[in-house]
């Protein structure tokens, strides 16, 4: 505290004017106190005047009413957050924000030296790990924050923060040595949340890329009757699908397109009409897809009817698509 005193004489018979100046360093505890100035005149007594000090200062303390750090909530639950500040002049204004974005909150109330502003949150998936902050105006401003944890499950579109707070992400990686037979098989991953009491699963369909493979072994024998039709069967699997198959007889390519007797049938099989003796022999077929090329062979035996015996012997019945065929 510092100050000075000055005395100024007035006109004759009118006495003097005395002025006292005082300089104070504002302190929080001086707010609301009375500053008294007292003047004493010997033989005449004393007089005084006072002024109430108004000292601007930030809040003394700021704290939150919030759930414990390990508390978790379901989507749709309602959570009440309270922000309280004690002291400060003028009374501080409390502001809520979520991840730095201001929020519309309820009215601010006061009781004694404490001001309060509450925030009611309806939990959403985006609240998982979100930071709710309350800031009290002042110089300097004070702030406090809390984070929410949300129980999430597949399809809820929860956000997954990195770090020790908020939700956590669990992952599992499976490495398989796949074979052609695994094409189209389903691999299922199942996850269970004990706290939520919910089990969810997701399935992956295996897509195994491989070149063509044949279900008919090399050298398969097909028996046909002269002057009738037959079909050379072909069972081929491939991923991606087969793009083309080329047939040949004794090494010479066949061109079913536009041929009166050769046509490609279902599954790239070869249909032959009006079989002749010249059709007998070894047939090759080469199939191609984006993963590669593969080939196999089939044998066609033609039974010729002799004069007076137009029937094929019982042990040499013509090949039928549903009948088994042999491999030599």
C-alpha atoms as a PDB file:
ATOM      1  CA  UNK A   1       0.000   0.000   0.000  1.00  0.00           C
ATOM      2  CA  UNK A   2       1.254   3.467  -0.828  1.00  0.00           C
ATOM      3  CA  UNK A   3      -0.130   6.990  -0.988  1.00  0.00           C
ATOM      4  CA  UNK A   4       0.365  10.689  -0.322  1.00  0.00           C
ATOM      5  CA  UNK A   5      -1.142  13.684   1.526  1.00  0.00           C
ATOM      6  CA  UNK A   6      -1.590  17.212   0.243  1.00  0.00           C
ATOM      7  CA  UNK A   7      -2.961  20.312   2.006  1.00  0.00           C
ATOM      8  CA  UNK A   8      -4.216  23.294   0.000  1.00  0.00           C
ATOM      9  CA  UNK A   9      -5.073  26.608   1.802  1.00  0.00           C
ATOM     10  CA  UNK A  10      -8.333  28.230   0.743  1.00  0.00           C
ATOM     11  CA  UNK A  11      -9.295  31.902   0.703  1.00  0.00           C
ATOM     12  CA  UNK A  12      -8.964  33.851   3.908  1.00  0.00           C
ATOM     13  CA  UNK A  13     -11.320  32.498   6.514  1.00  0.00           C
ATOM     14  CA  UNK A  14     -12.274  29.398   4.533  1.00  0.00           C
ATOM     15  CA  UNK A  15      -9.709  26.964   5.943  1.00  0.00           C
ATOM     16  CA  UNK A  16      -7.822  24.294   3.940  1.00  0.00           C
ATOM     17  CA  UNK A  17      -8.523  21.329   1.644  1.00  0.00           C
ATOM     18  CA  UNK A  18      -6.698  18.151   2.557  1.00  0.00           C
ATOM     19  CA  UNK A  19      -6.405  15.325  -0.005  1.00  0.00           C
ATOM     20  CA  UNK A  20      -5.073  11.834   0.702  1.00  0.00           C
ATOM     21  CA  UNK A  21      -4.355   9.307  -2.109  1.00  0.00           C
ATOM     22  CA  UNK A  22      -3.843   5.607  -1.509  1.00  0.00           C
ATOM     23  CA  UNK A  23      -2.666   2.877  -3.908  1.00  0.00           C
ATOM     24  CA  UNK A  24      -3.598  -0.762  -3.166  1.00  0.00           C
ATOM     25  CA  UNK A  25      -2.443  -4.066  -4.677  1.00  0.00           C
ATOM     26  CA  UNK A  26      -5.637  -6.012  -5.308  1.00  0.00           C
ATOM     27  CA  UNK A  27      -5.874  -9.302  -3.432  1.00  0.00           C
ATOM     28  CA  UNK A  28      -8.550 -11.963  -3.697  1.00  0.00           C
ATOM     29  CA  UNK A  29      -9.288 -11.749  -0.001  1.00  0.00           C
ATOM     30  CA  UNK A  30      -9.818  -7.957  -0.145  1.00  0.00           C
ATOM     31  CA  UNK A  31     -12.830  -8.288  -2.423  1.00  0.00           C
ATOM     32  CA  UNK A  32     -15.936  -6.921  -0.676  1.00  0.00           C
ATOM     33  CA  UNK A  33     -14.059  -5.225   2.134  1.00  0.00           C
ATOM     34  CA  UNK A  34     -14.594  -1.560   3.062  1.00  0.00           C
ATOM     35  CA  UNK A  35     -11.816   0.956   2.612  1.00  0.00           C
ATOM     36  CA  UNK A  36     -12.319   3.790   5.165  1.00  0.00           C
ATOM     37  CA  UNK A  37     -10.890   7.306   4.987  1.00  0.00           C
ATOM     38  CA  UNK A  38     -11.032   9.235   8.292  1.00  0.00           C
ATOM     39  CA  UNK A  39     -10.275  12.924   8.816  1.00  0.00           C
ATOM     40  CA  UNK A  40      -9.611  14.340  12.302  1.00  0.00           C
ATOM     41  CA  UNK A  41      -9.593  18.067  13.206  1.00  0.00           C
ATOM     42  CA  UNK A  42      -8.182  18.926  16.618  1.00  0.00           C
ATOM     43  CA  UNK A  43     -10.833  20.332  18.863  1.00  0.00           C
ATOM     44  CA  UNK A  44     -13.585  19.642  16.280  1.00  0.00           C
ATOM     45  CA  UNK A  45     -13.664  15.831  16.126  1.00  0.00           C
ATOM     46  CA  UNK A  46     -13.508  13.381  13.216  1.00  0.00           C
ATOM     47  CA  UNK A  47     -15.387  12.460  10.077  1.00  0.00           C
ATOM     48  CA  UNK A  48     -15.085   9.381   7.807  1.00  0.00           C
ATOM     49  CA  UNK A  49     -16.160   7.996   4.442  1.00  0.00           C
ATOM     50  CA  UNK A  50     -15.831   4.473   3.038  1.00  0.00           C
ATOM     51  CA  UNK A  51     -15.875   2.582  -0.283  1.00  0.00           C
ATOM     52  CA  UNK A  52     -16.392  -1.179  -0.905  1.00  0.00           C
ATOM     53  CA  UNK A  53     -13.483  -2.765  -2.760  1.00  0.00           C
ATOM     54  CA  UNK A  54     -14.233  -4.742  -5.951  1.00  0.00           C
ATOM     55  CA  UNK A  55     -11.306  -6.982  -6.908  1.00  0.00           C
ATOM     56  CA  UNK A  56     -11.540  -8.987 -10.153  1.00  0.00           C
ATOM     57  CA  UNK A  57     -10.070 -12.488  -9.825  1.00  0.00           C
ATOM     58  CA  UNK A  58     -10.468 -15.933 -11.406  1.00  0.00           C
ATOM     59  CA  UNK A  59     -12.241 -18.858  -9.692  1.00  0.00           C
ATOM     60  CA  UNK A  60     -10.403 -20.561  -6.875  1.00  0.00           C
ATOM     61  CA  UNK A  61     -11.349 -24.074  -7.974  1.00  0.00           C
ATOM     62  CA  UNK A  62     -13.106 -25.964 -10.790  1.00  0.00           C
ATOM     63  CA  UNK A  63     -14.250 -29.590 -10.591  1.00  0.00           C
ATOM     64  CA  UNK A  64     -16.535 -32.053 -12.364  1.00  0.00           C
ATOM     65  CA  UNK A  65     -19.182 -34.470 -11.260  1.00  0.00           C
ATOM     66  CA  UNK A  66     -18.709 -37.333 -13.715  1.00  0.00           C
ATOM     67  CA  UNK A  67     -18.822 -41.162 -13.800  1.00  0.00           C
ATOM     68  CA  UNK A  68     -15.703 -43.066 -12.697  1.00  0.00           C
ATOM     69  CA  UNK A  69     -13.048 -43.457 -15.419  1.00  0.00           C
ATOM     70  CA  UNK A  70     -13.766 -47.193 -15.803  1.00  0.00           C
ATOM     71  CA  UNK A  71     -17.553 -46.787 -16.145  1.00  0.00           C
ATOM     72  CA  UNK A  72     -19.091 -47.919 -19.455  1.00  0.00           C
ATOM     73  CA  UNK A  73     -22.479 -47.090 -20.963  1.00  0.00           C
ATOM     74  CA  UNK A  74     -24.776 -48.567 -23.569  1.00  0.00           C
ATOM     75  CA  UNK A  75     -25.795 -46.534 -26.580  1.00  0.00           C
ATOM     76  CA  UNK A  76     -28.920 -44.576 -25.682  1.00  0.00           C
ATOM     77  CA  UNK A  77     -28.123 -44.257 -21.957  1.00  0.00           C
ATOM     78  CA  UNK A  78     -28.435 -40.813 -20.363  1.00  0.00           C
ATOM     79  CA  UNK A  79     -25.406 -39.520 -18.454  1.00  0.00           C
ATOM     80  CA  UNK A  80     -25.422 -36.361 -16.331  1.00  0.00           C
ATOM     81  CA  UNK A  81     -22.211 -34.328 -16.107  1.00  0.00           C
ATOM     82  CA  UNK A  82     -21.849 -31.486 -13.612  1.00  0.00           C
ATOM     83  CA  UNK A  83     -19.343 -28.619 -13.708  1.00  0.00           C
ATOM     84  CA  UNK A  84     -18.749 -26.529 -10.556  1.00  0.00           C
ATOM     85  CA  UNK A  85     -16.589 -23.454  -9.917  1.00  0.00           C
ATOM     86  CA  UNK A  86     -15.982 -21.767  -6.575  1.00  0.00           C
ATOM     87  CA  UNK A  87     -15.131 -18.098  -6.173  1.00  0.00           C
ATOM     88  CA  UNK A  88     -14.211 -15.594  -8.841  1.00  0.00           C
ATOM     89  CA  UNK A  89     -15.278 -12.030  -9.523  1.00  0.00           C
ATOM     90  CA  UNK A  90     -17.211 -11.423 -11.575  1.00  0.00           C
ATOM     91  CA  UNK A  91     -18.793 -14.901 -11.314  1.00  0.00           C
ATOM     92  CA  UNK A  92     -17.264 -17.095 -14.035  1.00  0.00           C
ATOM     93  CA  UNK A  93     -19.230 -18.355 -17.019  1.00  0.00           C
ATOM     94  CA  UNK A  94     -19.046 -22.115 -17.469  1.00  0.00           C
ATOM     95  CA  UNK A  95     -18.898 -23.523 -21.010  1.00  0.00           C
ATOM     96  CA  UNK A  96     -19.122 -27.193 -22.127  1.00  0.00           C
ATOM     97  CA  UNK A  97     -17.508 -28.595 -25.283  1.00  0.00           C
ATOM     98  CA  UNK A  98     -17.153 -32.036 -26.916  1.00  0.00           C
ATOM     99  CA  UNK A  99     -13.830 -32.668 -28.647  1.00  0.00           C
ATOM    100  CA  UNK A 100     -13.376 -28.909 -28.942  1.00  0.00           C
ATOM    101  CA  UNK A 101     -16.859 -28.195 -30.333  1.00  0.00           C
ATOM    102  CA  UNK A 102     -19.094 -25.961 -28.134  1.00  0.00           C
ATOM    103  CA  UNK A 103     -22.272 -27.573 -26.817  1.00  0.00           C
ATOM    104  CA  UNK A 104     -25.665 -26.187 -25.969  1.00  0.00           C
ATOM    105  CA  UNK A 105     -26.053 -26.787 -22.263  1.00  0.00           C
ATOM    106  CA  UNK A 106     -28.603 -26.062 -19.571  1.00  0.00           C
ATOM    107  CA  UNK A 107     -28.835 -22.867 -17.505  1.00  0.00           C
ATOM    108  CA  UNK A 108     -26.057 -21.876 -15.134  1.00  0.00           C
ATOM    109  CA  UNK A 109     -27.070 -21.768 -11.473  1.00  0.00           C
ATOM    110  CA  UNK A 110     -25.366 -20.382  -8.386  1.00  0.00           C
ATOM    111  CA  UNK A 111     -25.449 -21.074  -4.689  1.00  0.00           C
ATOM    112  CA  UNK A 112     -23.281 -18.966  -2.398  1.00  0.00           C
ATOM    113  CA  UNK A 113     -19.836 -18.727  -3.931  1.00  0.00           C
ATOM    114  CA  UNK A 114     -20.324 -21.792  -6.202  1.00  0.00           C
ATOM    115  CA  UNK A 115     -21.696 -21.677  -9.759  1.00  0.00           C
ATOM    116  CA  UNK A 116     -22.853 -24.841 -11.555  1.00  0.00           C
ATOM    117  CA  UNK A 117     -23.727 -25.878 -15.090  1.00  0.00           C
ATOM    118  CA  UNK A 118     -24.964 -29.385 -15.880  1.00  0.00           C
ATOM    119  CA  UNK A 119     -24.823 -31.281 -19.165  1.00  0.00           C
ATOM    120  CA  UNK A 120     -27.148 -34.193 -19.976  1.00  0.00           C
ATOM    121  CA  UNK A 121     -25.661 -36.556 -22.561  1.00  0.00           C
ATOM    122  CA  UNK A 122     -27.643 -39.178 -24.477  1.00  0.00           C
ATOM    123  CA  UNK A 123     -24.889 -41.657 -25.269  1.00  0.00           C
ATOM    124  CA  UNK A 124     -24.199 -42.246 -28.974  1.00  0.00           C
ATOM    125  CA  UNK A 125     -21.556 -44.453 -30.648  1.00  0.00           C
ATOM    126  CA  UNK A 126     -19.491 -41.330 -31.376  1.00  0.00           C
ATOM    127  CA  UNK A 127     -19.183 -40.708 -27.609  1.00  0.00           C
ATOM    128  CA  UNK A 128     -16.797 -43.629 -27.247  1.00  0.00           C
ATOM    129  CA  UNK A 129     -13.592 -41.951 -26.086  1.00  0.00           C
ATOM    130  CA  UNK A 130     -14.979 -38.444 -26.687  1.00  0.00           C
ATOM    131  CA  UNK A 131     -13.568 -35.670 -24.460  1.00  0.00           C
ATOM    132  CA  UNK A 132     -16.141 -33.538 -22.631  1.00  0.00           C
ATOM    133  CA  UNK A 133     -14.507 -30.369 -21.307  1.00  0.00           C
ATOM    134  CA  UNK A 134     -15.828 -27.629 -19.019  1.00  0.00           C
ATOM    135  CA  UNK A 135     -14.073 -24.246 -19.039  1.00  0.00           C
ATOM    136  CA  UNK A 136     -14.542 -21.389 -16.585  1.00  0.00           C
ATOM    137  CA  UNK A 137     -13.936 -17.852 -17.874  1.00  0.00           C
ATOM    138  CA  UNK A 138     -11.260 -15.826 -16.100  1.00  0.00           C
ATOM    139  CA  UNK A 139      -7.668 -14.749 -16.336  1.00  0.00           C
ATOM    140  CA  UNK A 140      -6.282 -17.304 -16.560  1.00  0.00           C
ATOM    141  CA  UNK A 141      -9.245 -19.605 -17.485  1.00  0.00           C
ATOM    142  CA  UNK A 142      -9.654 -22.921 -15.700  1.00  0.00           C
ATOM    143  CA  UNK A 143     -10.792 -26.169 -17.311  1.00  0.00           C
ATOM    144  CA  UNK A 144     -11.487 -29.810 -16.461  1.00  0.00           C
ATOM    145  CA  UNK A 145     -12.427 -32.751 -18.678  1.00  0.00           C
ATOM    146  CA  UNK A 146     -13.679 -36.318 -18.672  1.00  0.00           C
ATOM    147  CA  UNK A 147     -14.043 -39.092 -21.263  1.00  0.00           C
ATOM    148  CA  UNK A 148     -16.880 -41.528 -21.823  1.00  0.00           C
ATOM    149  CA  UNK A 149     -16.596 -45.215 -22.635  1.00  0.00           C
ATOM    150  CA  UNK A 150     -19.333 -46.811 -24.715  1.00  0.00           C
ATOM    151  CA  UNK A 151     -20.088 -50.512 -25.030  1.00  0.00           C
ATOM    152  CA  UNK A 152     -19.954 -51.129 -28.764  1.00  0.00           C
ATOM    153  CA  UNK A 153     -20.866 -54.040 -30.956  1.00  0.00           C
ATOM    154  CA  UNK A 154     -20.783 -54.874 -34.654  1.00  0.00           C
ATOM    155  CA  UNK A 155     -22.907 -52.472 -36.675  1.00  0.00           C
ATOM    156  CA  UNK A 156     -22.963 -49.663 -34.089  1.00  0.00           C
ATOM    157  CA  UNK A 157     -20.295 -47.623 -35.929  1.00  0.00           C
ATOM    158  CA  UNK A 158     -18.426 -46.795 -32.738  1.00  0.00           C
ATOM    159  CA  UNK A 159     -15.318 -44.686 -32.976  1.00  0.00           C
ATOM    160  CA  UNK A 160     -12.248 -46.415 -31.568  1.00  0.00           C
ATOM    161  CA  UNK A 161      -9.741 -44.012 -30.025  1.00  0.00           C
ATOM    162  CA  UNK A 162      -6.115 -44.948 -29.775  1.00  0.00           C
ATOM    163  CA  UNK A 163      -4.577 -44.894 -26.349  1.00  0.00           C
ATOM    164  CA  UNK A 164      -5.522 -46.088 -22.879  1.00  0.00           C
ATOM    165  CA  UNK A 165      -8.838 -44.231 -22.649  1.00  0.00           C
ATOM    166  CA  UNK A 166     -12.175 -44.970 -24.248  1.00  0.00           C
ATOM    167  CA  UNK A 167     -13.008 -48.180 -26.089  1.00  0.00           C
ATOM    168  CA  UNK A 168     -10.503 -50.774 -27.168  1.00  0.00           C
ATOM    169  CA  UNK A 169     -10.179 -52.706 -30.405  1.00  0.00           C
ATOM    170  CA  UNK A 170      -9.553 -56.440 -30.389  1.00  0.00           C
ATOM    171  CA  UNK A 171      -8.263 -58.111 -33.534  1.00  0.00           C
ATOM    172  CA  UNK A 172      -7.382 -61.598 -34.654  1.00  0.00           C
ATOM    173  CA  UNK A 173      -5.543 -62.664 -37.772  1.00  0.00           C
ATOM    174  CA  UNK A 174      -5.739 -66.198 -39.192  1.00  0.00           C
ATOM    175  CA  UNK A 175      -3.296 -67.534 -41.753  1.00  0.00           C
ATOM    176  CA  UNK A 176      -4.495 -70.515 -43.805  1.00  0.00           C
ATOM    177  CA  UNK A 177      -2.788 -72.838 -46.253  1.00  0.00           C
ATOM    178  CA  UNK A 178      -5.669 -73.179 -48.676  1.00  0.00           C
ATOM    179  CA  UNK A 179      -6.371 -75.851 -51.263  1.00  0.00           C
ATOM    180  CA  UNK A 180      -8.680 -75.931 -54.275  1.00  0.00           C
ATOM    181  CA  UNK A 181     -11.267 -77.750 -52.194  1.00  0.00           C
ATOM    182  CA  UNK A 182     -11.503 -74.727 -49.870  1.00  0.00           C
ATOM    183  CA  UNK A 183     -13.048 -72.587 -52.619  1.00  0.00           C
ATOM    184  CA  UNK A 184     -16.356 -71.152 -51.363  1.00  0.00           C
ATOM    185  CA  UNK A 185     -15.869 -72.377 -47.787  1.00  0.00           C
ATOM    186  CA  UNK A 186     -16.843 -70.026 -44.927  1.00  0.00           C
ATOM    187  CA  UNK A 187     -14.430 -69.037 -42.154  1.00  0.00           C
ATOM    188  CA  UNK A 188     -16.230 -67.542 -39.132  1.00  0.00           C
ATOM    189  CA  UNK A 189     -14.780 -65.212 -36.474  1.00  0.00           C
ATOM    190  CA  UNK A 190     -16.760 -64.912 -33.255  1.00  0.00           C
ATOM    191  CA  UNK A 191     -16.312 -62.256 -30.542  1.00  0.00           C
ATOM    192  CA  UNK A 192     -17.943 -62.092 -27.113  1.00  0.00           C
ATOM    193  CA  UNK A 193     -18.213 -59.086 -24.784  1.00  0.00           C
ATOM    194  CA  UNK A 194     -18.651 -60.329 -21.191  1.00  0.00           C
ATOM    195  CA  UNK A 195     -19.601 -56.845 -19.966  1.00  0.00           C
ATOM    196  CA  UNK A 196     -22.275 -56.426 -22.630  1.00  0.00           C
ATOM    197  CA  UNK A 197     -23.368 -60.043 -22.650  1.00  0.00           C
ATOM    198  CA  UNK A 198     -23.409 -60.056 -26.461  1.00  0.00           C
ATOM    199  CA  UNK A 199     -21.746 -62.408 -28.929  1.00  0.00           C
ATOM    200  CA  UNK A 200     -21.298 -61.371 -32.547  1.00  0.00           C
ATOM    201  CA  UNK A 201     -19.709 -63.068 -35.517  1.00  0.00           C
ATOM    202  CA  UNK A 202     -18.588 -62.331 -39.044  1.00  0.00           C
ATOM    203  CA  UNK A 203     -17.936 -64.801 -41.837  1.00  0.00           C
ATOM    204  CA  UNK A 204     -15.548 -64.654 -44.751  1.00  0.00           C
ATOM    205  CA  UNK A 205     -16.058 -66.722 -47.899  1.00  0.00           C
ATOM    206  CA  UNK A 206     -12.775 -68.088 -49.221  1.00  0.00           C
ATOM    207  CA  UNK A 207     -12.008 -67.297 -52.840  1.00  0.00           C
ATOM    208  CA  UNK A 208      -9.088 -69.490 -53.890  1.00  0.00           C
ATOM    209  CA  UNK A 209      -7.527 -68.498 -57.196  1.00  0.00           C
ATOM    210  CA  UNK A 210      -6.155 -71.445 -59.125  1.00  0.00           C
ATOM    211  CA  UNK A 211      -5.734 -72.650 -62.728  1.00  0.00           C
ATOM    212  CA  UNK A 212      -8.187 -75.181 -64.180  1.00  0.00           C
ATOM    213  CA  UNK A 213      -8.350 -78.648 -62.635  1.00  0.00           C
ATOM    214  CA  UNK A 214     -10.163 -81.613 -64.152  1.00  0.00           C
ATOM    215  CA  UNK A 215     -12.498 -84.055 -62.441  1.00  0.00           C
ATOM    216  CA  UNK A 216     -12.033 -86.566 -65.264  1.00  0.00           C
ATOM    217  CA  UNK A 217      -8.713 -88.381 -65.030  1.00  0.00           C
ATOM    218  CA  UNK A 218      -6.351 -88.596 -68.017  1.00  0.00           C
ATOM    219  CA  UNK A 219      -7.006 -91.550 -70.278  1.00  0.00           C
ATOM    220  CA  UNK A 220     -10.716 -91.857 -69.450  1.00  0.00           C
ATOM    221  CA  UNK A 221     -12.375 -94.222 -71.924  1.00  0.00           C
ATOM    222  CA  UNK A 222     -15.667 -93.366 -73.623  1.00  0.00           C
ATOM    223  CA  UNK A 223     -17.400 -96.033 -75.740  1.00  0.00           C
ATOM    224  CA  UNK A 224     -19.708 -94.982 -78.589  1.00  0.00           C
ATOM    225  CA  UNK A 225     -21.664 -96.750 -81.313  1.00  0.00           C
ATOM    226  CA  UNK A 226     -21.052 -96.024 -84.942  1.00  0.00           C
ATOM    227  CA  UNK A 227     -23.543 -93.668 -86.607  1.00  0.00           C
ATOM    228  CA  UNK A 228     -24.945 -92.516 -83.282  1.00  0.00           C
ATOM    229  CA  UNK A 229     -24.110 -89.507 -81.136  1.00  0.00           C
ATOM    230  CA  UNK A 230     -21.894 -89.358 -78.058  1.00  0.00           C
ATOM    231  CA  UNK A 231     -20.454 -86.843 -75.653  1.00  0.00           C
ATOM    232  CA  UNK A 232     -16.944 -86.579 -74.268  1.00  0.00           C
ATOM    233  CA  UNK A 233     -17.498 -85.461 -70.665  1.00  0.00           C
ATOM    234  CA  UNK A 234     -15.501 -82.685 -69.037  1.00  0.00           C
ATOM    235  CA  UNK A 235     -15.613 -81.664 -65.382  1.00  0.00           C
ATOM    236  CA  UNK A 236     -13.373 -78.652 -64.811  1.00  0.00           C
ATOM    237  CA  UNK A 237     -13.127 -76.326 -61.789  1.00  0.00           C
ATOM    238  CA  UNK A 238     -11.280 -73.013 -61.835  1.00  0.00           C
ATOM    239  CA  UNK A 239     -11.250 -69.603 -60.156  1.00  0.00           C
ATOM    240  CA  UNK A 240     -11.616 -67.258 -61.845  1.00  0.00           C
ATOM    241  CA  UNK A 241     -13.874 -69.208 -64.245  1.00  0.00           C
ATOM    242  CA  UNK A 242     -12.527 -70.906 -67.353  1.00  0.00           C
ATOM    243  CA  UNK A 243     -12.236 -68.534 -70.283  1.00  0.00           C
ATOM    244  CA  UNK A 244     -11.846 -71.109 -73.064  1.00  0.00           C
ATOM    245  CA  UNK A 245     -11.240 -74.795 -73.801  1.00  0.00           C
ATOM    246  CA  UNK A 246      -9.690 -76.156 -77.009  1.00  0.00           C
ATOM    247  CA  UNK A 247     -10.280 -79.776 -78.100  1.00  0.00           C
ATOM    248  CA  UNK A 248      -7.995 -81.790 -80.382  1.00  0.00           C
ATOM    249  CA  UNK A 249      -8.019 -85.295 -81.880  1.00  0.00           C
ATOM    250  CA  UNK A 250      -4.669 -87.063 -82.186  1.00  0.00           C
ATOM    251  CA  UNK A 251      -2.992 -83.646 -81.851  1.00  0.00           C
ATOM    252  CA  UNK A 252      -5.082 -81.904 -84.528  1.00  0.00           C
ATOM    253  CA  UNK A 253      -7.236 -79.026 -83.204  1.00  0.00           C
ATOM    254  CA  UNK A 254     -11.017 -79.337 -83.581  1.00  0.00           C
ATOM    255  CA  UNK A 255     -13.132 -76.302 -84.333  1.00  0.00           C
ATOM    256  CA  UNK A 256     -16.688 -76.876 -83.040  1.00  0.00           C
ATOM    257  CA  UNK A 257     -17.757 -73.399 -84.200  1.00  0.00           C
ATOM    258  CA  UNK A 258     -19.726 -74.005 -87.384  1.00  0.00           C
ATOM    259  CA  UNK A 259     -18.968 -77.733 -87.438  1.00  0.00           C
ATOM    260  CA  UNK A 260     -21.956 -79.932 -88.435  1.00  0.00           C
ATOM    261  CA  UNK A 261     -20.841 -82.763 -86.116  1.00  0.00           C
ATOM    262  CA  UNK A 262     -18.843 -81.197 -83.245  1.00  0.00           C
ATOM    263  CA  UNK A 263     -20.375 -78.897 -80.663  1.00  0.00           C
ATOM    264  CA  UNK A 264     -19.342 -77.659 -77.234  1.00  0.00           C
ATOM    265  CA  UNK A 265     -21.794 -78.811 -74.607  1.00  0.00           C
ATOM    266  CA  UNK A 266     -22.383 -78.040 -70.959  1.00  0.00           C
ATOM    267  CA  UNK A 267     -19.206 -77.509 -68.956  1.00  0.00           C
ATOM    268  CA  UNK A 268     -17.099 -77.332 -72.167  1.00  0.00           C
ATOM    269  CA  UNK A 269     -17.777 -81.026 -72.949  1.00  0.00           C
ATOM    270  CA  UNK A 270     -17.543 -82.132 -76.609  1.00  0.00           C
ATOM    271  CA  UNK A 271     -20.630 -83.534 -78.348  1.00  0.00           C
ATOM    272  CA  UNK A 272     -20.098 -85.611 -81.501  1.00  0.00           C
ATOM    273  CA  UNK A 273     -22.955 -86.414 -83.844  1.00  0.00           C
ATOM    274  CA  UNK A 274     -23.028 -89.383 -86.294  1.00  0.00           C
ATOM    275  CA  UNK A 275     -19.935 -91.041 -84.866  1.00  0.00           C
ATOM    276  CA  UNK A 276     -17.676 -92.727 -87.432  1.00  0.00           C
ATOM    277  CA  UNK A 277     -14.714 -95.019 -87.131  1.00  0.00           C
ATOM    278  CA  UNK A 278     -12.472 -92.074 -87.871  1.00  0.00           C
ATOM    279  CA  UNK A 279     -13.630 -90.412 -84.648  1.00  0.00           C
ATOM    280  CA  UNK A 280     -11.950 -93.060 -82.524  1.00  0.00           C
ATOM    281  CA  UNK A 281      -8.701 -92.143 -80.851  1.00  0.00           C
ATOM    282  CA  UNK A 282      -7.195 -89.941 -78.153  1.00  0.00           C
ATOM    283  CA  UNK A 283      -8.775 -86.535 -77.580  1.00  0.00           C
ATOM    284  CA  UNK A 284      -6.956 -83.747 -75.807  1.00  0.00           C
ATOM    285  CA  UNK A 285      -8.510 -80.701 -74.190  1.00  0.00           C
ATOM    286  CA  UNK A 286      -6.681 -77.601 -72.957  1.00  0.00           C
ATOM    287  CA  UNK A 287      -8.512 -75.076 -70.728  1.00  0.00           C
ATOM    288  CA  UNK A 288      -7.361 -71.597 -69.783  1.00  0.00           C
ATOM    289  CA  UNK A 289      -8.180 -68.925 -67.159  1.00  0.00           C
ATOM    290  CA  UNK A 290      -6.374 -65.912 -65.697  1.00  0.00           C
ATOM    291  CA  UNK A 291      -4.330 -68.160 -63.377  1.00  0.00           C
ATOM    292  CA  UNK A 292      -2.968 -70.526 -65.999  1.00  0.00           C
ATOM    293  CA  UNK A 293      -3.572 -73.409 -68.389  1.00  0.00           C
ATOM    294  CA  UNK A 294      -4.182 -77.125 -67.832  1.00  0.00           C
ATOM    295  CA  UNK A 295      -4.870 -80.077 -70.130  1.00  0.00           C
ATOM    296  CA  UNK A 296      -6.111 -83.649 -69.991  1.00  0.00           C
ATOM    297  CA  UNK A 297      -6.857 -86.557 -72.390  1.00  0.00           C
ATOM    298  CA  UNK A 298      -9.812 -88.837 -73.107  1.00  0.00           C
ATOM    299  CA  UNK A 299     -10.074 -91.935 -75.365  1.00  0.00           C
ATOM    300  CA  UNK A 300     -12.993 -92.647 -77.629  1.00  0.00           C
ATOM    301  CA  UNK A 301     -13.646 -96.234 -78.746  1.00  0.00           C
ATOM    302  CA  UNK A 302     -16.141 -96.731 -81.563  1.00  0.00           C
ATOM    303  CA  UNK A 303     -18.039-100.028 -81.763  1.00  0.00           C
ATOM    304  CA  UNK A 304     -18.974-100.946 -85.280  1.00  0.00           C
ATOM    305  CA  UNK A 305     -22.002-103.135 -85.912  1.00  0.00           C
ATOM    306  CA  UNK A 306     -21.286-106.215 -88.085  1.00  0.00           C
ATOM    307  CA  UNK A 307     -23.719-107.536 -90.697  1.00  0.00           C
ATOM    308  CA  UNK A 308     -26.549-109.386 -89.008  1.00  0.00           C
ATOM    309  CA  UNK A 309     -25.494-108.183 -85.533  1.00  0.00           C
ATOM    310  CA  UNK A 310     -26.604-104.536 -85.247  1.00  0.00           C
ATOM    311  CA  UNK A 311     -26.295-104.432 -81.498  1.00  0.00           C
ATOM    312  CA  UNK A 312     -23.346-103.419 -79.408  1.00  0.00           C
ATOM    313  CA  UNK A 313     -22.197-106.177 -77.075  1.00  0.00           C
ATOM    314  CA  UNK A 314     -23.608-105.772 -73.514  1.00  0.00           C
ATOM    315  CA  UNK A 315     -20.155-105.109 -72.063  1.00  0.00           C
ATOM    316  CA  UNK A 316     -19.626-102.201 -74.463  1.00  0.00           C
ATOM    317  CA  UNK A 317     -22.717-100.079 -73.903  1.00  0.00           C
ATOM    318  CA  UNK A 318     -22.580 -96.473 -75.181  1.00  0.00           C
ATOM    319  CA  UNK A 319     -21.429 -93.818 -72.689  1.00  0.00           C
ATOM    320  CA  UNK A 320     -24.237 -92.039 -70.856  1.00  0.00           C
ATOM    321  CA  UNK A 321     -23.669 -88.750 -68.929  1.00  0.00           C
ATOM    322  CA  UNK A 322     -24.965 -90.307 -65.695  1.00  0.00           C
ATOM    323  CA  UNK A 323     -23.094 -93.592 -66.106  1.00  0.00           C
ATOM    324  CA  UNK A 324     -19.608 -94.148 -64.614  1.00  0.00           C
ATOM    325  CA  UNK A 325     -16.697 -94.230 -67.006  1.00  0.00           C
ATOM    326  CA  UNK A 326     -13.484 -96.163 -66.646  1.00  0.00           C
ATOM    327  CA  UNK A 327      -9.849 -95.147 -66.856  1.00  0.00           C
ATOM    328  CA  UNK A 328      -7.306 -97.276 -68.591  1.00  0.00           C
END
